[in-house]
């Protein structure tokens, strides 16, 4: 099971890094927006989880926003988004039903991927491709990316174990929303009406889902 999740996460990371290095960051953002939808669907189909009417409506609103963005960007840009969405959500589903705790699972996945990564770095260095940057600050940043990648993976695995998988999917909208804000405010990428339309539907869906969650929590107290 963890060999499968290691393979899925490895493909996810490889596609994501390739897309970033080839100036296709918005397509990765689209993939992260689609991921929670796939997660919710997997929770309902594979685990038999049920959504309330309000939760279903919330997911539908988010789906409209994501579909609009996908259509607006064109079909040629969908492969990156779909690979990112399906690999991450499927790996999360397998982790949820796996018999080990999240930390042990992450250790196994990393142990399986590490030899392949080290072999790739060795072959690259033998072919004249630098393994790290030319200065210390760049090398430190490259190493730190491993930490900031592993911690969210571990936290997601813990959360997926302790809550309905469909609910975990809804919380995944926080990441791509912050990524869009970063792209616009920090990297000054264009933000048009299509992005505004997508954000509006997604955040509206999150509001409905949050209202329903609070209502259920209050009802359970009584």
Protein backbone atom coordinates (compact mmCIF):
# COMPACT_ATOMS: atom_id res chain seq x y z
CA UNK A 1 0.00 0.00 0.00
CA UNK A 2 2.75 2.44 0.88
CA UNK A 3 4.68 1.54 -2.26
CA UNK A 4 1.61 2.71 -4.15
CA UNK A 5 1.35 5.95 -2.17
CA UNK A 6 5.09 6.56 -2.61
CA UNK A 7 4.71 6.17 -6.38
CA UNK A 8 1.68 8.50 -6.45
CA UNK A 9 3.38 11.18 -4.37
CA UNK A 10 6.56 10.83 -6.42
CA UNK A 11 4.63 11.47 -9.64
CA UNK A 12 2.81 14.36 -7.96
CA UNK A 13 6.04 16.05 -6.89
CA UNK A 14 7.74 15.45 -10.24
CA UNK A 15 4.87 16.96 -12.25
CA UNK A 16 4.54 19.89 -9.85
CA UNK A 17 8.25 20.77 -9.93
CA UNK A 18 8.36 20.41 -13.72
CA UNK A 19 5.35 22.72 -14.07
CA UNK A 20 6.84 25.36 -11.77
CA UNK A 21 10.16 25.32 -13.61
CA UNK A 22 8.33 25.69 -16.93
CA UNK A 23 6.23 28.71 -15.86
CA UNK A 24 2.94 26.81 -15.53
CA UNK A 25 2.18 27.70 -11.92
CA UNK A 26 -1.44 28.64 -12.57
CA UNK A 27 -2.05 25.15 -13.91
CA UNK A 28 -0.70 23.69 -10.68
CA UNK A 29 -3.07 25.98 -8.78
CA UNK A 30 -5.94 24.61 -10.82
CA UNK A 31 -4.84 21.11 -9.89
CA UNK A 32 -4.90 21.96 -6.20
CA UNK A 33 -8.38 23.41 -6.62
CA UNK A 34 -9.56 20.20 -8.27
CA UNK A 35 -7.94 17.97 -5.62
CA UNK A 36 -10.53 18.61 -2.87
CA UNK A 37 -13.33 17.77 -5.30
CA UNK A 38 -11.69 14.45 -6.15
CA UNK A 39 -11.13 13.85 -2.43
CA UNK A 40 -14.80 14.42 -1.65
CA UNK A 41 -15.87 12.10 -4.49
CA UNK A 42 -13.48 9.37 -3.29
CA UNK A 43 -14.80 9.72 0.25
CA UNK A 44 -18.36 9.23 -0.95
CA UNK A 45 -17.69 6.49 -3.53
CA UNK A 46 -14.93 4.45 -1.88
CA UNK A 47 -15.71 4.93 1.80
CA UNK A 48 -19.47 5.30 1.69
CA UNK A 49 -19.43 8.72 3.35
CA UNK A 50 -22.52 10.87 2.97
CA UNK A 51 -22.88 14.57 2.41
CA UNK A 52 -25.77 16.66 3.65
CA UNK A 53 -27.76 18.69 1.16
CA UNK A 54 -25.96 21.87 2.16
CA UNK A 55 -22.58 20.17 1.86
CA UNK A 56 -23.54 18.85 -1.58
CA UNK A 57 -24.56 22.34 -2.61
CA UNK A 58 -21.25 23.69 -1.29
CA UNK A 59 -19.28 21.14 -3.32
CA UNK A 60 -21.36 22.01 -6.37
CA UNK A 61 -20.53 25.70 -6.04
CA UNK A 62 -16.83 24.93 -5.80
CA UNK A 63 -17.10 22.61 -8.80
CA UNK A 64 -18.69 25.36 -10.90
CA UNK A 65 -15.79 27.68 -10.09
CA UNK A 66 -13.17 25.06 -10.92
CA UNK A 67 -14.88 24.03 -14.16
CA UNK A 68 -15.13 27.65 -15.25
CA UNK A 69 -11.41 28.13 -14.69
CA UNK A 70 -10.63 24.90 -16.53
CA UNK A 71 -12.77 25.87 -19.51
CA UNK A 72 -11.37 29.39 -19.57
CA UNK A 73 -7.77 28.17 -19.63
CA UNK A 74 -8.40 25.64 -22.40
CA UNK A 75 -8.22 21.82 -22.58
CA UNK A 76 -4.48 21.70 -23.26
CA UNK A 77 -3.72 22.89 -19.73
CA UNK A 78 -5.78 20.25 -17.94
CA UNK A 79 -3.31 17.35 -17.88
CA UNK A 80 -1.09 18.91 -15.23
CA UNK A 81 -4.06 19.76 -13.02
CA UNK A 82 -5.66 16.34 -13.37
CA UNK A 83 -2.43 14.44 -12.64
CA UNK A 84 -1.82 16.53 -9.51
CA UNK A 85 -5.41 16.11 -8.34
CA UNK A 86 -5.77 12.37 -8.88
CA UNK A 87 -2.35 11.36 -7.54
CA UNK A 88 -2.63 13.35 -4.30
CA UNK A 89 -6.26 12.49 -3.52
CA UNK A 90 -5.76 8.79 -4.29
CA UNK A 91 -2.65 8.66 -2.11
CA UNK A 92 -4.62 10.30 0.70
CA UNK A 93 -7.38 7.71 0.39
CA UNK A 94 -4.90 4.84 0.60
CA UNK A 95 -3.26 6.42 3.65
CA UNK A 96 -6.62 6.70 5.37
CA UNK A 97 -7.31 2.96 5.13
CA UNK A 98 -3.69 1.89 5.68
CA UNK A 99 -3.01 -0.02 8.91
CA UNK A 100 -0.09 2.18 10.05
CA UNK A 101 -0.03 5.59 11.68
CA UNK A 102 0.79 8.62 9.46
CA UNK A 103 4.37 9.08 10.71
CA UNK A 104 5.31 5.46 10.01
CA UNK A 105 3.64 5.69 6.61
CA UNK A 106 5.58 8.84 5.71
CA UNK A 107 8.81 7.16 6.84
CA UNK A 108 8.15 4.16 4.59
CA UNK A 109 7.26 6.36 1.60
CA UNK A 110 10.37 8.50 2.06
CA UNK A 111 12.58 5.42 2.48
CA UNK A 112 11.24 3.99 -0.78
CA UNK A 113 11.73 7.23 -2.74
CA UNK A 114 15.09 8.27 -1.25
CA UNK A 115 17.28 5.70 -3.09
CA UNK A 116 15.70 6.63 -6.42
CA UNK A 117 16.25 10.33 -5.74
CA UNK A 118 19.86 9.75 -4.70
CA UNK A 119 20.51 7.68 -7.82
CA UNK A 120 19.05 10.46 -9.98
CA UNK A 121 21.24 13.07 -8.27
CA UNK A 122 24.31 10.89 -8.75
CA UNK A 123 23.62 10.33 -12.45
CA UNK A 124 22.94 14.04 -12.91
CA UNK A 125 26.24 14.98 -11.30
CA UNK A 126 28.05 12.47 -13.51
CA UNK A 127 26.52 14.11 -16.58
CA UNK A 128 27.63 17.59 -15.57
CA UNK A 129 24.29 18.73 -14.13
CA UNK A 130 24.83 20.50 -10.76
CA UNK A 131 23.09 18.83 -7.85
CA UNK A 132 22.79 22.01 -5.78
CA UNK A 133 23.09 25.72 -6.38
CA UNK A 134 26.24 27.75 -6.61
CA UNK A 135 25.93 29.50 -3.24
CA UNK A 136 25.17 28.52 0.36
CA UNK A 137 21.89 30.45 0.64
CA UNK A 138 20.45 28.65 -2.40
CA UNK A 139 21.52 25.27 -1.03
CA UNK A 140 19.88 26.01 2.34
CA UNK A 141 16.65 26.99 0.60
CA UNK A 142 16.70 23.82 -1.51
CA UNK A 143 17.16 21.66 1.58
CA UNK A 144 14.44 23.58 3.43
CA UNK A 145 11.93 22.77 0.67
CA UNK A 146 12.08 19.15 1.85
CA UNK A 147 10.94 20.21 5.32
CA UNK A 148 8.11 22.45 4.13
CA UNK A 149 6.94 19.65 1.82
CA UNK A 150 7.04 16.83 4.37
CA UNK A 151 5.28 18.65 7.23
CA UNK A 152 2.04 19.40 5.32
CA UNK A 153 2.03 15.81 4.02
CA UNK A 154 2.29 14.48 7.58
CA UNK A 155 -0.38 16.84 8.90
CA UNK A 156 -2.75 15.91 6.08
CA UNK A 157 -2.24 12.21 6.80
CA UNK A 158 -3.04 12.78 10.49
CA UNK A 159 -6.13 14.82 9.63
CA UNK A 160 -7.36 12.25 7.12
CA UNK A 161 -7.19 9.59 9.84
CA UNK A 162 -9.19 11.64 12.34
CA UNK A 163 -12.00 13.14 10.25
CA UNK A 164 -14.30 12.10 7.40
CA UNK A 165 -12.31 12.08 4.16
CA UNK A 166 -14.89 14.30 2.47
CA UNK A 167 -14.39 16.92 5.22
CA UNK A 168 -10.62 16.72 4.79
CA UNK A 169 -11.18 17.45 1.13
CA UNK A 170 -12.98 20.69 1.90
CA UNK A 171 -10.09 22.01 3.98
CA UNK A 172 -7.78 21.52 1.00
CA UNK A 173 -9.22 24.65 -0.58
CA UNK A 174 -7.19 26.76 1.83
CA UNK A 175 -3.89 25.89 0.13
CA UNK A 176 -4.75 26.80 -3.47
CA UNK A 177 -6.55 29.94 -2.29
CA UNK A 178 -3.37 31.12 -0.58
CA UNK A 179 -1.40 30.10 -3.66
CA UNK A 180 -3.57 32.29 -5.86
CA UNK A 181 -3.19 35.22 -3.49
CA UNK A 182 0.56 34.69 -3.48
CA UNK A 183 0.66 34.62 -7.27
CA UNK A 184 -1.27 37.87 -7.52
CA UNK A 185 0.12 39.86 -4.59
CA UNK A 186 3.70 38.56 -4.45
CA UNK A 187 4.51 37.55 -8.04
CA UNK A 188 2.05 40.01 -9.66
CA UNK A 189 0.53 37.47 -12.03
CA UNK A 190 -2.59 38.68 -13.90
CA UNK A 191 -5.87 38.33 -12.03
CA UNK A 192 -8.87 38.62 -14.35
CA UNK A 193 -12.62 38.24 -14.13
CA UNK A 194 -12.32 34.48 -14.60
CA UNK A 195 -10.19 34.18 -11.46
CA UNK A 196 -12.61 36.43 -9.58
CA UNK A 197 -15.50 34.23 -10.69
CA UNK A 198 -13.69 31.09 -9.56
CA UNK A 199 -12.73 32.52 -6.18
CA UNK A 200 -16.27 33.75 -5.60
CA UNK A 201 -17.83 30.33 -6.14
CA UNK A 202 -15.18 28.46 -4.17
CA UNK A 203 -15.32 30.75 -1.15
CA UNK A 204 -19.12 30.72 -1.27
CA UNK A 205 -19.01 26.93 -1.14
CA UNK A 206 -16.61 27.05 1.81
CA UNK A 207 -18.95 29.38 3.69
CA UNK A 208 -21.90 27.04 3.20
CA UNK A 209 -19.81 24.04 4.25
CA UNK A 210 -18.56 25.85 7.38
CA UNK A 211 -22.09 26.90 8.33
CA UNK A 212 -23.28 23.31 8.00
CA UNK A 213 -20.36 22.01 10.07
CA UNK A 214 -21.07 24.49 12.88
CA UNK A 215 -24.75 23.59 12.80
CA UNK A 216 -24.00 19.87 13.07
CA UNK A 217 -21.57 20.48 15.92
CA UNK A 218 -24.15 22.45 17.88
CA UNK A 219 -26.81 19.80 17.24
CA UNK A 220 -24.50 17.03 18.52
CA UNK A 221 -24.14 18.85 21.84
CA UNK A 222 -27.83 18.56 22.47
